[in-house]
Amino acid sequence: MVVKNYVLINELKHYRSKLGITQKELAEFLCINPSYYNRIEKGIITPNIKLCLMIVDAIKELYAQKTGRRPEKISIERLFMLDDTD
């Protein structure tokens, strides 16, 4: 059996910036330390699936609070991808 190794790649900075949300706003909404969130965004820390889902929901909610609209194309699949390292 061949076991592949994967790394989690995130597009958080791209989408967060595009939607006008700061790292601090997102971290505060998630009740996590901004430096911890920064390390997630940089790929230093790999969040578990629960935190990934919470980040997606937080981005949607913060964007809705700012604009009155929900972002249609934000999903966990757009923000987090697995890359085969083999």
N, C-alpha and C. Protein backbone atom coordinates (compact mmCIF):
# COMPACT_ATOMS: atom_id res chain seq x y z
N MET A 1 0.84 -1.18 0.00
CA MET A 1 0.00 0.00 0.00
C MET A 1 0.89 1.25 0.00
N VAL A 2 0.53 2.19 -0.84
CA VAL A 2 1.26 3.45 -0.92
C VAL A 2 0.51 4.49 -0.09
N VAL A 3 1.23 5.10 0.83
CA VAL A 3 0.64 6.16 1.66
C VAL A 3 1.23 7.48 1.19
N LYS A 4 0.36 8.37 0.80
CA LYS A 4 0.80 9.67 0.32
C LYS A 4 0.82 10.67 1.47
N ASN A 5 1.70 11.62 1.37
CA ASN A 5 1.76 12.70 2.34
C ASN A 5 1.13 13.94 1.73
N TYR A 6 0.37 14.63 2.53
CA TYR A 6 -0.30 15.85 2.07
C TYR A 6 0.02 16.99 3.01
N VAL A 7 0.05 18.17 2.47
CA VAL A 7 0.15 19.37 3.29
C VAL A 7 -1.10 20.21 3.02
N LEU A 8 -1.52 20.93 4.03
CA LEU A 8 -2.68 21.79 3.89
C LEU A 8 -2.23 23.16 3.41
N ILE A 9 -2.74 23.58 2.28
CA ILE A 9 -2.43 24.90 1.74
C ILE A 9 -3.67 25.76 1.94
N ASN A 10 -3.45 26.98 2.42
CA ASN A 10 -4.62 27.83 2.61
C ASN A 10 -4.53 29.08 1.75
N GLU A 11 -5.68 29.55 1.38
CA GLU A 11 -5.83 30.77 0.60
C GLU A 11 -6.47 31.86 1.46
N LEU A 12 -6.26 31.75 2.77
CA LEU A 12 -6.91 32.67 3.70
C LEU A 12 -6.57 34.13 3.43
N LYS A 13 -5.29 34.43 3.28
CA LYS A 13 -4.88 35.82 3.10
C LYS A 13 -5.52 36.41 1.85
N HIS A 14 -5.50 35.66 0.78
CA HIS A 14 -6.08 36.13 -0.48
C HIS A 14 -7.55 36.52 -0.32
N TYR A 15 -8.35 35.59 0.20
CA TYR A 15 -9.78 35.85 0.32
C TYR A 15 -10.10 36.85 1.42
N ARG A 16 -9.38 36.77 2.54
CA ARG A 16 -9.63 37.71 3.64
C ARG A 16 -9.36 39.13 3.17
N SER A 17 -8.23 39.34 2.50
CA SER A 17 -7.88 40.68 2.00
C SER A 17 -8.88 41.15 0.95
N LYS A 18 -9.23 40.25 0.06
CA LYS A 18 -10.17 40.58 -1.02
C LYS A 18 -11.52 41.04 -0.46
N LEU A 19 -11.92 40.46 0.67
CA LEU A 19 -13.21 40.80 1.27
C LEU A 19 -13.12 41.96 2.27
N GLY A 20 -11.91 42.50 2.47
CA GLY A 20 -11.75 43.65 3.35
C GLY A 20 -11.81 43.33 4.83
N ILE A 21 -11.38 42.14 5.20
CA ILE A 21 -11.39 41.72 6.60
C ILE A 21 -9.94 41.68 7.09
N THR A 22 -9.69 42.25 8.26
CA THR A 22 -8.33 42.23 8.79
C THR A 22 -8.09 40.94 9.59
N GLN A 23 -6.81 40.63 9.76
CA GLN A 23 -6.45 39.48 10.59
C GLN A 23 -6.97 39.67 12.00
N LYS A 24 -6.85 40.88 12.53
CA LYS A 24 -7.29 41.17 13.89
C LYS A 24 -8.79 40.95 14.04
N GLU A 25 -9.58 41.44 13.09
CA GLU A 25 -11.03 41.25 13.14
C GLU A 25 -11.39 39.77 13.16
N LEU A 26 -10.74 39.02 12.29
CA LEU A 26 -11.04 37.60 12.18
C LEU A 26 -10.63 36.86 13.45
N ALA A 27 -9.44 37.16 13.96
CA ALA A 27 -8.98 36.51 15.19
C ALA A 27 -9.90 36.83 16.36
N GLU A 28 -10.30 38.08 16.49
CA GLU A 28 -11.20 38.47 17.57
C GLU A 28 -12.55 37.78 17.44
N PHE A 29 -13.06 37.67 16.23
CA PHE A 29 -14.34 37.00 16.01
C PHE A 29 -14.24 35.53 16.42
N LEU A 30 -13.09 34.92 16.15
CA LEU A 30 -12.87 33.51 16.48
C LEU A 30 -12.44 33.30 17.94
N CYS A 31 -12.19 34.40 18.65
CA CYS A 31 -11.70 34.35 20.04
C CYS A 31 -10.36 33.61 20.13
N ILE A 32 -9.49 33.93 19.17
CA ILE A 32 -8.13 33.38 19.22
C ILE A 32 -7.15 34.55 19.14
N ASN A 33 -5.94 34.31 19.58
CA ASN A 33 -4.90 35.32 19.57
C ASN A 33 -4.55 35.69 18.12
N PRO A 34 -4.45 37.00 17.82
CA PRO A 34 -4.11 37.39 16.45
C PRO A 34 -2.80 36.79 15.94
N SER A 35 -1.81 36.62 16.81
CA SER A 35 -0.55 36.02 16.37
C SER A 35 -0.74 34.54 16.02
N TYR A 36 -1.64 33.87 16.72
CA TYR A 36 -1.95 32.48 16.39
C TYR A 36 -2.62 32.40 15.02
N TYR A 37 -3.57 33.30 14.77
CA TYR A 37 -4.21 33.33 13.46
C TYR A 37 -3.19 33.63 12.37
N ASN A 38 -2.30 34.57 12.62
CA ASN A 38 -1.27 34.93 11.65
C ASN A 38 -0.43 33.70 11.26
N ARG A 39 -0.10 32.88 12.24
CA ARG A 39 0.68 31.67 11.96
C ARG A 39 -0.14 30.66 11.15
N ILE A 40 -1.44 30.62 11.36
CA ILE A 40 -2.30 29.75 10.54
C ILE A 40 -2.26 30.25 9.09
N GLU A 41 -2.45 31.55 8.93
CA GLU A 41 -2.49 32.12 7.58
C GLU A 41 -1.17 31.93 6.84
N LYS A 42 -0.06 31.98 7.56
CA LYS A 42 1.26 31.78 6.95
C LYS A 42 1.58 30.31 6.69
N GLY A 43 0.75 29.41 7.22
CA GLY A 43 0.98 27.99 7.02
C GLY A 43 1.94 27.38 8.03
N ILE A 44 2.27 28.12 9.07
CA ILE A 44 3.16 27.61 10.12
C ILE A 44 2.41 26.62 11.00
N ILE A 45 1.15 26.93 11.26
CA ILE A 45 0.28 26.06 12.06
C ILE A 45 -0.80 25.49 11.15
N THR A 46 -1.07 24.22 11.26
CA THR A 46 -2.15 23.59 10.51
C THR A 46 -3.37 23.46 11.42
N PRO A 47 -4.45 24.17 11.09
CA PRO A 47 -5.64 24.08 11.94
C PRO A 47 -6.37 22.75 11.73
N ASN A 48 -7.07 22.33 12.77
CA ASN A 48 -7.88 21.12 12.62
C ASN A 48 -9.14 21.47 11.83
N ILE A 49 -9.88 20.45 11.44
CA ILE A 49 -11.05 20.67 10.58
C ILE A 49 -12.09 21.56 11.25
N LYS A 50 -12.24 21.43 12.56
CA LYS A 50 -13.22 22.26 13.27
C LYS A 50 -12.86 23.74 13.14
N LEU A 51 -11.58 24.07 13.33
CA LEU A 51 -11.16 25.46 13.21
C LEU A 51 -11.26 25.93 11.77
N CYS A 52 -10.96 25.08 10.81
CA CYS A 52 -11.12 25.44 9.39
C CYS A 52 -12.56 25.85 9.10
N LEU A 53 -13.50 25.05 9.59
CA LEU A 53 -14.92 25.36 9.38
C LEU A 53 -15.32 26.65 10.09
N MET A 54 -14.77 26.85 11.29
CA MET A 54 -15.07 28.08 12.03
C MET A 54 -14.53 29.30 11.29
N ILE A 55 -13.36 29.18 10.69
CA ILE A 55 -12.78 30.30 9.93
C ILE A 55 -13.66 30.64 8.74
N VAL A 56 -14.12 29.63 8.02
CA VAL A 56 -15.00 29.87 6.86
C VAL A 56 -16.26 30.60 7.31
N ASP A 57 -16.89 30.12 8.38
CA ASP A 57 -18.11 30.75 8.88
C ASP A 57 -17.85 32.18 9.35
N ALA A 58 -16.71 32.40 10.01
CA ALA A 58 -16.37 33.73 10.51
C ALA A 58 -16.17 34.71 9.35
N ILE A 59 -15.49 34.27 8.30
CA ILE A 59 -15.28 35.13 7.13
C ILE A 59 -16.63 35.51 6.52
N LYS A 60 -17.51 34.54 6.38
CA LYS A 60 -18.84 34.81 5.82
C LYS A 60 -19.60 35.81 6.68
N GLU A 61 -19.57 35.61 7.98
CA GLU A 61 -20.31 36.48 8.90
C GLU A 61 -19.74 37.89 8.94
N LEU A 62 -18.43 38.02 9.02
CA LEU A 62 -17.81 39.35 9.05
C LEU A 62 -18.08 40.11 7.75
N TYR A 63 -18.01 39.41 6.64
CA TYR A 63 -18.30 40.05 5.35
C TYR A 63 -19.77 40.51 5.32
N ALA A 64 -20.66 39.68 5.80
CA ALA A 64 -22.07 40.04 5.83
C ALA A 64 -22.31 41.25 6.73
N GLN A 65 -21.62 41.30 7.87
CA GLN A 65 -21.76 42.45 8.77
C GLN A 65 -21.28 43.74 8.11
N LYS A 66 -20.23 43.64 7.31
CA LYS A 66 -19.67 44.83 6.66
C LYS A 66 -20.48 45.29 5.46
N THR A 67 -21.05 44.34 4.72
CA THR A 67 -21.66 44.69 3.44
C THR A 67 -23.17 44.44 3.37
N GLY A 68 -23.68 43.64 4.27
CA GLY A 68 -25.08 43.27 4.20
C GLY A 68 -25.34 42.13 3.22
N ARG A 69 -24.27 41.60 2.62
CA ARG A 69 -24.38 40.49 1.67
C ARG A 69 -23.53 39.32 2.13
N ARG A 70 -23.91 38.13 1.72
CA ARG A 70 -23.13 36.92 2.01
C ARG A 70 -22.23 36.62 0.81
N PRO A 71 -20.95 36.32 1.04
CA PRO A 71 -20.11 35.94 -0.10
C PRO A 71 -20.55 34.57 -0.62
N GLU A 72 -20.82 34.49 -1.89
CA GLU A 72 -21.38 33.27 -2.47
C GLU A 72 -20.34 32.18 -2.71
N LYS A 73 -19.14 32.58 -3.06
CA LYS A 73 -18.17 31.59 -3.50
C LYS A 73 -17.12 31.24 -2.45
N ILE A 74 -17.38 31.53 -1.20
CA ILE A 74 -16.44 31.16 -0.14
C ILE A 74 -16.89 29.83 0.45
N SER A 75 -16.00 28.86 0.38
CA SER A 75 -16.27 27.55 0.95
C SER A 75 -14.97 26.99 1.47
N ILE A 76 -15.06 25.95 2.25
CA ILE A 76 -13.85 25.34 2.79
C ILE A 76 -12.93 24.87 1.66
N GLU A 77 -13.52 24.44 0.56
CA GLU A 77 -12.71 23.96 -0.57
C GLU A 77 -11.93 25.10 -1.23
N ARG A 78 -12.43 26.32 -1.15
CA ARG A 78 -11.71 27.46 -1.73
C ARG A 78 -10.61 27.96 -0.80
N LEU A 79 -10.85 27.85 0.51
CA LEU A 79 -9.87 28.38 1.47
C LEU A 79 -8.78 27.38 1.83
N PHE A 80 -9.09 26.11 1.84
CA PHE A 80 -8.13 25.09 2.26
C PHE A 80 -8.06 23.99 1.22
N MET A 81 -6.82 23.65 0.81
CA MET A 81 -6.63 22.59 -0.19
C MET A 81 -5.53 21.66 0.28
N LEU A 82 -5.65 20.39 -0.05
CA LEU A 82 -4.59 19.43 0.24
C LEU A 82 -3.68 19.32 -0.98
N ASP A 83 -2.38 19.39 -0.73
CA ASP A 83 -1.41 19.24 -1.81
C ASP A 83 -0.58 17.99 -1.56
N ASP A 84 -0.48 17.16 -2.56
CA ASP A 84 0.29 15.91 -2.49
C ASP A 84 1.78 16.26 -2.50
N THR A 85 2.51 15.88 -1.47
CA THR A 85 3.93 16.22 -1.38
C THR A 85 4.82 15.15 -1.99
N ASP A 86 4.25 14.02 -2.44
CA ASP A 86 5.07 12.96 -3.03
C ASP A 86 5.33 13.21 -4.48
